[in-house]
């Protein structure tokens, strides 16, 4: 895999991790709303299980945030080290002249 293709794939993974982070945050918000609604309702099964679900989702989010930060940094460093902007310009120039 050439350098530019590798960088583009790395950028795609960063975007997918960001999407995963946003989805996880939305799930936490939904569980929180159900927990609040259940305060009024008082269903024992929801009272028992929702806090555990909420905690697991929060733990997953923490892991995703850490992976995203590390991989985004790795992607940026790879791009800087390999002068990806110049590679993109060269590819655009080559495509325009073909």
Protein backbone atom coordinates (compact mmCIF):
# COMPACT_ATOMS: atom_id res chain seq x y z
CA UNK A 1 0.00 0.00 0.00
CA UNK A 2 1.47 3.35 -0.96
CA UNK A 3 1.93 6.11 1.59
CA UNK A 4 -0.98 8.26 0.44
CA UNK A 5 -3.42 5.33 0.40
CA UNK A 6 -2.26 4.32 3.87
CA UNK A 7 -2.81 7.86 5.15
CA UNK A 8 -6.27 8.02 3.58
CA UNK A 9 -7.19 4.73 5.24
CA UNK A 10 -5.90 6.03 8.57
CA UNK A 11 -8.05 9.17 8.16
CA UNK A 12 -11.06 6.99 7.37
CA UNK A 13 -10.50 5.01 10.57
CA UNK A 14 -10.28 8.27 12.56
CA UNK A 15 -13.65 9.34 11.13
CA UNK A 16 -15.16 5.95 11.96
CA UNK A 17 -13.84 6.15 15.52
CA UNK A 18 -15.35 9.64 15.84
CA UNK A 19 -18.67 8.25 14.64
CA UNK A 20 -18.40 5.40 17.13
CA UNK A 21 -17.70 7.91 19.91
CA UNK A 22 -20.76 9.96 18.95
CA UNK A 23 -22.93 6.84 18.82
CA UNK A 24 -21.70 5.75 22.24
CA UNK A 25 -22.48 9.20 23.68
CA UNK A 26 -25.98 9.01 22.22
CA UNK A 27 -26.52 5.61 23.85
CA UNK A 28 -25.42 6.96 27.21
CA UNK A 29 -27.87 9.84 26.86
CA UNK A 30 -30.70 7.45 25.98
CA UNK A 31 -29.98 5.22 28.96
CA UNK A 32 -29.87 8.33 31.17
CA UNK A 33 -33.30 9.40 29.92
CA UNK A 34 -34.73 5.96 30.60
CA UNK A 35 -33.22 6.03 34.11
CA UNK A 36 -34.83 9.42 34.77
CA UNK A 37 -38.19 8.24 33.42
CA UNK A 38 -37.98 5.16 35.58
CA UNK A 39 -37.56 7.28 38.72
CA UNK A 40 -41.25 8.10 38.32
CA UNK A 41 -42.24 4.62 37.15
CA UNK A 42 -40.19 2.61 39.63
CA UNK A 43 -39.77 -0.60 37.62
CA UNK A 44 -37.48 -2.89 39.64
CA UNK A 45 -35.88 -4.60 36.64
CA UNK A 46 -34.95 -1.24 35.10
CA UNK A 47 -33.66 0.01 38.47
CA UNK A 48 -31.50 -3.11 38.76
CA UNK A 49 -30.07 -3.34 35.23
CA UNK A 50 -29.88 0.19 33.82
CA UNK A 51 -27.06 1.43 36.08
CA UNK A 52 -24.88 -1.52 34.99
CA UNK A 53 -25.64 -0.87 31.33
CA UNK A 54 -24.89 2.83 31.84
CA UNK A 55 -21.53 2.02 33.48
CA UNK A 56 -20.49 -0.42 30.73
CA UNK A 57 -21.37 2.15 28.07
CA UNK A 58 -19.39 4.82 29.93
CA UNK A 59 -16.41 2.47 30.22
CA UNK A 60 -16.62 1.70 26.49
CA UNK A 61 -16.77 5.41 25.72
CA UNK A 62 -13.64 6.02 27.79
CA UNK A 63 -11.84 3.30 25.82
CA UNK A 64 -13.02 4.69 22.48
CA UNK A 65 -11.93 8.22 23.43
CA UNK A 66 -8.46 6.92 24.32
CA UNK A 67 -8.12 4.91 21.12
CA UNK A 68 -9.35 7.85 19.04
CA UNK A 69 -6.90 10.29 20.62
CA UNK A 70 -3.99 7.90 20.14
CA UNK A 71 -4.87 6.95 16.58
CA UNK A 72 -5.64 10.53 15.49
CA UNK A 73 -2.23 11.56 16.84
CA UNK A 74 -0.58 8.63 15.06
CA UNK A 75 -2.34 9.60 11.82
CA UNK A 76 -1.23 13.22 12.13
CA UNK A 77 2.36 12.20 12.83
CA UNK A 78 2.35 9.81 9.87
CA UNK A 79 1.03 12.58 7.62
CA UNK A 80 3.64 15.05 8.84
CA UNK A 81 6.51 12.57 8.62
CA UNK A 82 5.60 11.54 5.08
CA UNK A 83 4.72 15.02 3.80
CA UNK A 84 1.26 13.85 2.77
CA UNK A 85 0.18 17.32 1.61
CA UNK A 86 2.91 17.27 -1.04
CA UNK A 87 1.92 13.73 -2.04
CA UNK A 88 -1.69 14.86 -2.47
CA UNK A 89 -0.59 17.80 -4.62
CA UNK A 90 1.56 15.50 -6.74
CA UNK A 91 -1.29 13.05 -7.19
CA UNK A 92 -3.68 15.86 -8.17
CA UNK A 93 -1.09 17.16 -10.66
CA UNK A 94 -0.60 13.68 -12.13
CA UNK A 95 -4.35 13.14 -12.43
CA UNK A 96 -4.83 16.52 -14.12
CA UNK A 97 -2.17 15.70 -16.71
CA UNK A 98 -3.48 12.25 -17.62
